[in-house]
N, C-alpha and C. Protein backbone atom coordinates (compact mmCIF):
# COMPACT_ATOMS: atom_id res chain seq x y z
N UNK A 1 124.65 155.47 70.99
CA UNK A 1 123.72 154.42 71.37
C UNK A 1 123.33 154.89 73.00
N UNK A 2 122.04 155.08 73.10
CA UNK A 2 121.54 155.73 74.38
C UNK A 2 121.49 154.53 75.35
N UNK A 3 121.59 154.99 76.56
CA UNK A 3 121.70 154.04 77.73
C UNK A 3 120.15 153.73 78.18
N UNK A 4 119.90 152.57 78.66
CA UNK A 4 118.68 152.01 79.15
C UNK A 4 118.40 152.80 80.54
N UNK A 5 117.06 152.77 80.75
CA UNK A 5 116.81 153.35 82.20
C UNK A 5 116.74 152.18 82.96
N UNK A 6 117.38 152.09 84.08
CA UNK A 6 117.57 151.12 84.90
C UNK A 6 117.15 151.58 86.30
N UNK A 7 116.04 151.08 86.93
CA UNK A 7 115.73 151.83 88.23
C UNK A 7 116.70 151.34 89.31
N UNK A 8 116.80 152.38 90.30
CA UNK A 8 117.68 152.23 91.46
C UNK A 8 117.17 151.30 92.49
N UNK A 9 117.78 150.19 92.74
CA UNK A 9 117.05 149.19 93.70
C UNK A 9 117.08 149.68 95.10
N UNK A 10 117.79 150.75 95.33
CA UNK A 10 117.78 151.21 96.81
C UNK A 10 116.39 151.45 97.32
N UNK A 11 115.34 151.65 96.43
CA UNK A 11 113.98 151.98 96.91
C UNK A 11 113.56 150.67 97.52
N UNK A 12 114.19 149.47 97.43
CA UNK A 12 113.70 148.34 98.33
C UNK A 12 114.03 148.20 99.61
N UNK A 13 114.99 149.21 100.05
CA UNK A 13 115.45 149.13 101.42
C UNK A 13 114.53 150.20 102.35
N UNK A 14 114.01 149.65 103.34
CA UNK A 14 113.45 150.60 104.33
C UNK A 14 114.43 151.44 105.09
N UNK A 15 115.58 150.63 105.57
CA UNK A 15 116.42 151.23 106.39
C UNK A 15 117.24 152.22 105.69
N UNK A 16 117.41 153.55 106.17
CA UNK A 16 118.01 154.74 105.51
C UNK A 16 119.31 154.41 105.25
N UNK A 17 120.14 153.60 106.19
CA UNK A 17 121.51 153.34 106.06
C UNK A 17 121.74 152.38 104.83
N UNK A 18 120.92 151.42 104.75
CA UNK A 18 120.84 150.27 103.69
C UNK A 18 120.79 151.00 102.41
N UNK A 19 119.73 151.94 102.32
CA UNK A 19 119.33 152.65 101.16
C UNK A 19 120.51 153.44 100.67
N UNK A 20 121.21 154.12 101.52
CA UNK A 20 122.36 154.99 101.15
C UNK A 20 123.53 154.05 100.50
N UNK A 21 123.81 152.83 101.16
CA UNK A 21 124.70 151.97 100.60
C UNK A 21 124.50 151.47 99.28
N UNK A 22 123.06 151.00 99.07
CA UNK A 22 122.80 150.41 97.78
C UNK A 22 122.74 151.57 96.85
N UNK A 23 122.25 152.60 97.16
CA UNK A 23 122.22 153.85 96.13
C UNK A 23 123.62 154.14 95.61
N UNK A 24 124.55 153.93 96.51
CA UNK A 24 125.96 154.48 96.35
C UNK A 24 126.63 153.35 95.37
N UNK A 25 126.31 152.15 95.71
CA UNK A 25 126.81 151.05 94.83
C UNK A 25 126.03 151.04 93.55
N UNK A 26 124.84 151.25 93.36
CA UNK A 26 124.13 151.52 92.13
C UNK A 26 124.67 152.62 91.43
N UNK A 27 124.89 153.71 91.85
CA UNK A 27 125.29 154.87 91.04
C UNK A 27 126.70 154.57 90.56
N UNK A 28 127.54 153.84 91.34
CA UNK A 28 129.00 153.47 90.86
C UNK A 28 128.78 152.58 89.50
N UNK A 29 128.05 151.42 89.87
CA UNK A 29 127.93 150.51 88.68
C UNK A 29 127.26 151.06 87.48
N UNK A 30 126.17 151.95 87.50
CA UNK A 30 125.41 152.57 86.56
C UNK A 30 126.29 153.46 85.72
N UNK A 31 127.35 154.10 86.36
CA UNK A 31 128.36 154.94 85.78
C UNK A 31 129.46 154.17 84.91
N UNK A 32 129.78 153.02 85.66
CA UNK A 32 130.93 152.19 85.14
C UNK A 32 130.70 150.89 84.47
N UNK A 33 129.43 150.58 84.37
CA UNK A 33 129.17 149.11 83.83
C UNK A 33 129.87 149.16 82.39
N UNK A 34 130.36 147.90 82.14
CA UNK A 34 130.83 147.64 80.88
C UNK A 34 130.90 146.12 80.63
N UNK A 35 129.97 145.63 79.81
CA UNK A 35 129.79 144.19 79.54
C UNK A 35 130.94 143.46 79.44
N UNK A 36 131.01 142.48 80.20
CA UNK A 36 132.09 141.52 80.30
C UNK A 36 133.34 141.87 81.06
N UNK A 37 133.29 143.31 81.70
CA UNK A 37 134.22 143.69 82.49
C UNK A 37 134.02 144.31 83.78
N UNK A 38 132.85 144.83 83.86
CA UNK A 38 132.41 145.52 85.24
C UNK A 38 130.95 145.21 85.51
N UNK A 39 130.43 144.39 86.22
CA UNK A 39 129.13 144.16 86.32
C UNK A 39 128.53 144.41 87.82
N UNK A 40 129.44 144.38 88.75
CA UNK A 40 128.98 144.57 90.18
C UNK A 40 129.83 145.73 90.83
N UNK A 41 129.06 146.59 91.63
CA UNK A 41 129.97 147.59 92.36
C UNK A 41 129.44 147.26 93.89
N UNK A 42 130.25 147.64 94.72
CA UNK A 42 129.88 147.51 96.24
C UNK A 42 130.27 148.83 97.08
N UNK A 43 129.57 148.90 98.10
CA UNK A 43 129.92 149.96 99.05
C UNK A 43 130.18 149.49 100.29
N UNK A 44 130.98 150.05 101.09
CA UNK A 44 131.40 149.59 102.33
C UNK A 44 131.22 150.90 103.24
N UNK A 45 130.89 150.77 104.42
CA UNK A 45 130.39 151.99 105.45
C UNK A 45 131.47 151.80 106.71
N UNK A 46 131.91 152.92 107.07
CA UNK A 46 132.78 152.83 108.12
C UNK A 46 131.98 153.52 109.50
N UNK A 47 132.43 153.22 110.56
CA UNK A 47 131.90 153.76 111.78
C UNK A 47 131.71 155.25 111.84
N UNK A 48 132.50 155.99 110.93
CA UNK A 48 132.38 157.59 110.84
C UNK A 48 131.40 157.84 109.96
N UNK A 49 130.57 156.97 109.28
CA UNK A 49 129.74 157.37 108.11
C UNK A 49 130.18 157.57 106.86
N UNK A 50 131.40 157.23 106.60
CA UNK A 50 131.97 157.32 105.25
C UNK A 50 131.87 156.18 104.45
N UNK A 51 131.48 156.30 103.23
CA UNK A 51 131.29 155.28 102.17
C UNK A 51 132.34 155.01 101.23
N UNK A 52 132.81 153.80 100.91
CA UNK A 52 133.99 153.38 100.19
C UNK A 52 133.39 152.54 99.15
N UNK A 53 133.84 152.62 97.92
CA UNK A 53 133.24 151.99 96.69
C UNK A 53 134.33 150.94 96.22
N UNK A 54 133.88 149.83 95.41
CA UNK A 54 134.66 148.95 94.90
C UNK A 54 133.86 148.53 93.55
N UNK A 55 134.70 148.19 92.47
CA UNK A 55 134.14 147.82 91.30
C UNK A 55 134.64 146.46 90.93
N UNK A 56 133.63 145.57 90.52
CA UNK A 56 134.16 144.09 89.97
C UNK A 56 134.95 144.48 88.90
N UNK A 57 135.98 143.58 88.65
CA UNK A 57 137.08 143.52 87.58
C UNK A 57 137.04 142.24 87.23
N UNK A 58 136.49 141.95 85.97
CA UNK A 58 136.55 140.74 85.14
C UNK A 58 137.98 140.82 84.44
N UNK A 59 138.54 139.56 84.59
CA UNK A 59 139.65 139.34 83.88
C UNK A 59 139.60 138.23 82.80
N UNK A 60 140.33 138.41 81.76
CA UNK A 60 140.38 137.35 80.52
C UNK A 60 140.38 135.97 81.26
N UNK A 61 141.14 135.84 82.13
CA UNK A 61 141.35 134.52 82.89
C UNK A 61 140.46 134.76 84.05
N UNK A 62 139.51 134.00 84.18
CA UNK A 62 138.39 134.14 85.28
C UNK A 62 138.85 134.12 86.68
N UNK A 63 139.87 133.44 86.93
CA UNK A 63 140.61 133.32 88.16
C UNK A 63 141.36 134.67 88.63
N UNK A 64 141.65 135.56 87.62
CA UNK A 64 142.22 136.73 87.93
C UNK A 64 141.39 137.67 88.30
N UNK A 65 139.95 137.59 88.15
CA UNK A 65 139.00 138.56 88.46
C UNK A 65 138.85 138.94 89.88
N UNK A 66 138.53 140.15 90.18
CA UNK A 66 138.44 140.71 91.57
C UNK A 66 137.03 141.04 92.01
N UNK A 67 136.58 140.75 92.83
CA UNK A 67 135.07 141.07 93.56
C UNK A 67 135.03 142.57 93.87
N UNK A 68 133.96 143.18 93.69
CA UNK A 68 133.77 144.44 94.15
C UNK A 68 133.75 144.72 95.51
N UNK A 69 133.37 143.66 96.40
CA UNK A 69 133.60 144.10 97.99
C UNK A 69 134.98 143.93 98.28
N UNK A 70 135.84 143.21 97.71
CA UNK A 70 137.30 143.22 98.07
C UNK A 70 137.81 144.66 97.72
N UNK A 71 137.45 145.17 96.52
CA UNK A 71 137.83 146.49 96.09
C UNK A 71 137.46 147.58 97.23
N UNK A 72 136.15 147.48 97.53
CA UNK A 72 135.56 148.58 98.50
C UNK A 72 136.28 148.36 99.99
N UNK A 73 136.52 147.22 100.34
CA UNK A 73 137.31 146.93 101.68
C UNK A 73 138.63 147.57 101.46
N UNK A 74 139.49 147.37 100.33
CA UNK A 74 140.95 147.85 100.10
C UNK A 74 140.70 149.42 100.17
N UNK A 75 139.76 149.98 99.42
CA UNK A 75 139.64 151.30 99.31
C UNK A 75 139.37 152.07 100.69
N UNK A 76 138.65 151.29 101.48
CA UNK A 76 138.31 151.82 102.93
C UNK A 76 139.56 151.80 103.65
N UNK A 77 140.30 150.82 103.52
CA UNK A 77 141.53 150.58 104.38
C UNK A 77 142.67 151.54 103.95
N UNK A 78 142.77 151.81 102.69
CA UNK A 78 143.71 152.96 102.15
C UNK A 78 143.47 154.30 102.97
N UNK A 79 142.26 154.46 103.37
CA UNK A 79 141.86 155.94 103.70
C UNK A 79 141.84 156.00 105.31
N UNK A 80 141.23 154.83 106.09
CA UNK A 80 140.77 154.90 107.32
C UNK A 80 141.19 153.64 108.25
N UNK A 81 141.17 153.89 109.60
CA UNK A 81 141.35 152.77 110.36
C UNK A 81 140.09 152.51 111.17
N UNK A 82 139.05 153.34 110.95
CA UNK A 82 137.73 153.29 111.48
C UNK A 82 137.19 151.79 111.53
N UNK A 83 136.47 151.30 112.34
CA UNK A 83 135.67 150.18 112.13
C UNK A 83 134.76 150.13 110.80
N UNK A 84 134.80 149.10 110.09
CA UNK A 84 133.93 148.87 108.99
C UNK A 84 132.71 148.43 109.45
N UNK A 85 131.53 148.72 109.17
CA UNK A 85 130.26 148.37 109.88
C UNK A 85 129.16 147.69 108.84
N UNK A 86 129.22 148.06 107.53
CA UNK A 86 128.17 147.59 106.81
C UNK A 86 128.61 147.61 105.32
N UNK A 87 127.90 146.70 104.54
CA UNK A 87 128.26 146.49 103.11
C UNK A 87 127.19 146.24 102.33
N UNK A 88 127.29 146.59 101.09
CA UNK A 88 126.08 146.16 99.88
C UNK A 88 126.60 146.16 98.54
N UNK A 89 126.14 145.19 97.73
CA UNK A 89 126.76 145.13 96.43
C UNK A 89 125.49 145.10 95.48
N UNK A 90 125.61 145.75 94.25
CA UNK A 90 124.58 145.67 93.27
C UNK A 90 125.05 145.20 91.90
N UNK A 91 124.35 144.50 91.24
CA UNK A 91 124.68 143.87 90.03
C UNK A 91 123.82 144.48 88.89
N UNK A 92 124.53 145.16 87.89
CA UNK A 92 123.92 145.74 86.69
C UNK A 92 123.38 144.90 85.65
N UNK A 93 122.13 144.98 84.95
CA UNK A 93 121.79 143.99 84.03
C UNK A 93 122.56 144.08 82.75
N UNK A 94 122.91 142.96 82.07
CA UNK A 94 123.31 143.00 80.79
C UNK A 94 122.34 143.43 79.87
N UNK A 95 122.80 143.83 78.59
CA UNK A 95 121.83 144.47 77.72
C UNK A 95 120.80 143.41 77.23
N UNK A 96 121.18 142.30 77.35
CA UNK A 96 120.40 141.19 76.84
C UNK A 96 119.21 140.67 78.04
N UNK A 97 119.33 141.35 79.12
CA UNK A 97 118.54 141.04 80.34
C UNK A 97 117.51 142.17 80.59
N UNK A 98 116.49 141.88 81.37
CA UNK A 98 115.62 142.76 81.64
C UNK A 98 116.23 144.05 82.53
N UNK A 99 115.89 145.26 82.37
CA UNK A 99 116.60 146.22 82.94
C UNK A 99 116.34 146.51 84.47
N UNK A 100 116.79 145.43 85.10
CA UNK A 100 116.57 145.38 86.59
C UNK A 100 117.88 145.14 87.33
N UNK A 101 118.35 146.26 88.07
CA UNK A 101 119.52 146.22 88.89
C UNK A 101 119.12 145.32 90.15
N UNK A 102 120.03 144.48 90.62
CA UNK A 102 119.68 143.62 91.72
C UNK A 102 120.79 143.97 92.91
N UNK A 103 120.19 143.82 94.15
CA UNK A 103 121.03 143.69 95.27
C UNK A 103 121.39 142.41 95.41
N UNK A 104 122.88 142.04 95.43
CA UNK A 104 123.18 140.73 95.39
C UNK A 104 123.99 140.47 96.91
N UNK A 105 123.80 139.32 97.18
CA UNK A 105 124.58 138.79 98.43
C UNK A 105 126.17 138.62 98.00
N UNK A 106 126.99 138.76 99.09
CA UNK A 106 128.51 138.46 98.58
C UNK A 106 128.58 137.11 98.23
N UNK A 107 129.53 136.86 97.42
CA UNK A 107 129.89 135.46 97.08
C UNK A 107 130.53 134.94 98.38
N UNK A 108 130.99 133.71 98.17
CA UNK A 108 131.65 132.86 99.24
C UNK A 108 133.00 133.44 99.75
N UNK A 109 133.77 133.77 98.90
CA UNK A 109 135.10 134.43 99.24
C UNK A 109 134.80 135.82 99.73
N UNK A 110 133.79 136.58 99.34
CA UNK A 110 133.61 137.99 100.01
C UNK A 110 132.97 137.68 101.37
N UNK A 111 132.23 136.56 101.57
CA UNK A 111 131.50 136.37 102.88
C UNK A 111 132.65 136.32 103.77
N UNK A 112 133.78 135.61 103.47
CA UNK A 112 134.88 135.41 104.24
C UNK A 112 135.54 136.63 104.55
N UNK A 113 135.90 137.42 103.59
CA UNK A 113 136.44 138.74 103.93
C UNK A 113 135.69 139.65 104.54
N UNK A 114 134.49 139.85 104.31
CA UNK A 114 133.62 140.59 105.13
C UNK A 114 133.63 140.10 106.67
N UNK A 115 133.51 138.92 106.76
CA UNK A 115 133.50 138.49 108.16
C UNK A 115 134.61 138.70 108.97
N UNK A 116 135.83 138.80 107.97
CA UNK A 116 137.25 139.07 108.70
C UNK A 116 137.31 140.66 109.10
N UNK A 117 136.79 141.30 108.17
CA UNK A 117 136.89 142.86 108.23
C UNK A 117 135.94 143.72 108.82
N UNK A 118 134.68 143.17 109.01
CA UNK A 118 133.45 144.00 109.42
C UNK A 118 133.02 143.26 110.75
N UNK A 119 133.70 143.83 111.82
CA UNK A 119 133.45 143.23 113.03
C UNK A 119 132.11 143.47 113.53
N UNK A 120 131.37 142.53 113.73
CA UNK A 120 129.96 142.86 114.12
C UNK A 120 129.14 143.54 112.92
N UNK A 121 129.58 143.36 111.71
CA UNK A 121 129.02 144.05 110.59
C UNK A 121 127.81 143.49 110.11
N UNK A 122 127.13 144.16 109.12
CA UNK A 122 125.83 143.88 108.37
C UNK A 122 126.16 143.99 106.84
N UNK A 123 125.30 143.13 106.20
CA UNK A 123 125.38 143.22 104.73
C UNK A 123 124.00 143.34 104.27
N UNK A 124 123.76 144.17 103.34
CA UNK A 124 122.40 144.27 102.56
C UNK A 124 122.12 143.12 101.72
N UNK A 125 120.95 142.49 101.92
CA UNK A 125 120.50 141.29 100.87
C UNK A 125 119.09 141.42 100.76
N UNK A 126 118.62 140.73 99.63
CA UNK A 126 117.14 140.79 99.69
C UNK A 126 116.68 139.96 100.66
N UNK A 127 115.55 140.40 101.41
CA UNK A 127 115.00 139.71 102.57
C UNK A 127 113.60 139.13 102.17
N UNK A 128 113.10 139.56 101.28
CA UNK A 128 111.72 138.99 100.72
C UNK A 128 111.55 139.58 99.21
N UNK A 129 110.72 139.10 98.41
CA UNK A 129 110.61 139.62 97.06
C UNK A 129 110.04 141.10 97.36
N UNK A 130 110.78 141.84 96.46
CA UNK A 130 110.55 143.23 96.61
C UNK A 130 111.08 143.91 97.74
N UNK A 131 111.84 143.36 98.58
CA UNK A 131 112.40 144.16 99.82
C UNK A 131 113.97 143.63 100.18
N UNK A 132 114.56 144.52 100.79
CA UNK A 132 115.90 144.29 100.97
C UNK A 132 116.24 144.96 102.25
N UNK A 133 117.16 144.44 103.09
CA UNK A 133 117.66 145.01 104.37
C UNK A 133 118.88 144.24 104.88
N UNK A 134 119.48 144.92 105.92
CA UNK A 134 120.46 144.13 106.70
C UNK A 134 120.29 142.94 107.29
N UNK A 135 121.46 142.06 107.15
CA UNK A 135 121.50 140.75 108.09
C UNK A 135 122.93 140.93 108.47
N UNK A 136 123.15 140.30 109.80
CA UNK A 136 124.34 140.21 110.19
C UNK A 136 125.39 139.45 109.41
N UNK A 137 126.54 139.80 109.01
CA UNK A 137 127.47 139.33 108.10
C UNK A 137 127.79 137.87 108.60
N UNK A 138 127.94 137.58 109.92
CA UNK A 138 128.25 136.32 110.46
C UNK A 138 127.01 135.29 110.14
N UNK A 139 125.97 135.76 109.74
CA UNK A 139 124.86 134.65 109.46
C UNK A 139 124.95 134.23 107.93
N UNK A 140 125.80 135.01 107.24
CA UNK A 140 125.98 134.56 105.76
C UNK A 140 126.98 133.43 105.69
N UNK A 141 127.71 133.25 106.73
CA UNK A 141 128.72 132.20 106.75
C UNK A 141 128.67 131.71 108.24
N UNK A 142 127.85 130.75 108.40
CA UNK A 142 127.53 130.12 109.87
C UNK A 142 128.56 129.37 110.30
N UNK A 143 129.35 128.69 109.46
CA UNK A 143 130.60 127.73 109.88
C UNK A 143 131.75 128.35 109.45
N UNK A 144 132.11 129.47 109.73
CA UNK A 144 133.38 130.23 109.15
C UNK A 144 134.61 129.60 109.78
N UNK A 145 135.65 129.52 108.81
CA UNK A 145 136.87 129.19 109.44
C UNK A 145 137.40 130.05 110.48
N UNK A 146 137.81 129.59 111.67
CA UNK A 146 138.46 130.55 112.66
C UNK A 146 140.00 130.06 112.81
N UNK A 147 140.89 130.93 112.33
CA UNK A 147 142.19 130.54 112.51
C UNK A 147 142.93 131.28 113.70
N UNK A 148 144.22 131.23 113.64
CA UNK A 148 144.84 131.80 114.75
C UNK A 148 145.90 133.00 114.12
N UNK A 149 145.58 133.17 113.11
CA UNK A 149 146.55 134.25 112.27
C UNK A 149 146.52 135.71 112.90
N UNK A 150 145.28 136.06 113.29
CA UNK A 150 145.13 137.36 114.09
C UNK A 150 144.63 137.25 115.26
N UNK A 151 144.94 138.27 116.40
CA UNK A 151 144.20 138.19 117.42
C UNK A 151 143.17 139.18 117.36
N UNK A 152 142.05 138.69 117.86
CA UNK A 152 140.91 139.55 117.59
C UNK A 152 140.11 139.72 119.17
N UNK A 153 139.07 140.46 119.25
CA UNK A 153 138.68 141.11 120.50
C UNK A 153 137.96 140.08 121.35
N UNK A 154 137.21 139.12 120.83
CA UNK A 154 136.43 138.15 121.78
C UNK A 154 137.01 136.73 121.53
N UNK A 155 137.48 135.78 122.57
CA UNK A 155 137.65 134.52 122.39
C UNK A 155 136.67 133.77 122.03
N UNK A 156 136.57 132.77 121.19
CA UNK A 156 135.50 131.96 120.78
C UNK A 156 136.05 130.41 120.84
N UNK A 157 136.32 129.71 121.87
CA UNK A 157 136.86 128.43 121.83
C UNK A 157 135.85 127.49 121.33
N UNK A 158 134.80 127.64 121.27
CA UNK A 158 133.76 126.70 120.67
C UNK A 158 133.86 126.50 119.34
N UNK A 159 134.48 127.47 118.64
CA UNK A 159 134.63 127.45 117.17
C UNK A 159 135.99 127.08 116.80
N UNK A 160 136.83 126.53 117.87
CA UNK A 160 138.20 126.05 117.47
C UNK A 160 139.23 127.09 117.21
N UNK A 161 139.21 128.15 117.82
CA UNK A 161 140.07 129.14 117.83
C UNK A 161 139.92 130.51 118.50
N UNK A 162 140.48 131.48 118.40
CA UNK A 162 140.24 132.83 118.79
C UNK A 162 139.45 133.74 117.86
N UNK A 163 138.79 134.26 118.33
CA UNK A 163 138.00 135.31 117.49
C UNK A 163 137.91 136.66 117.88
C-alpha cells in the first residue's frame, strides 16, 4: 500500500524557528503515524538550539495514553538542563480524512506541563486561517494553578503563590 502525500504544515510559519519546530514534528509523525496508536508528534526547543521529539502514544485504555508534548519534554530533560524555550505539535490525518496535517495547540494537561517547564516559553499555534506562529505559553493558560511545590525565579503573589 502506498502512502499518501501529505503536505508539510511548516510552510504556514513565517518565523524560521517556528517553521523548524513544526517541520521536525511533522517529519516525526509522518514517519511514525499508525492509525489508532500514533497521531501527533511534538518538538521542543532548548536555549542551545537543540530539538527534542515526542510521539503520542495511544493506549487501549484511553487514560493510559501519553501526549506527544510530555514525551518531548521528557526526552529533552533526559539530555539537557538548558532552558526549554518553545514547542510545536502536529497531527497527522487519518486515512479517512483529507490529507492535511495540522499544527495543533497543546491540550489542557500539556498546557500545564509546558507552562511548568518552558519558562517564558512559546508554542506554535494556528494564528489565522492559513497561518501559524508563536504565542506565549502563559497565554494558553490564563488562569494557571500556581502552587508552592517548586521555587521558581519570580514571585507572583497576585496569583496566590510563588512563580
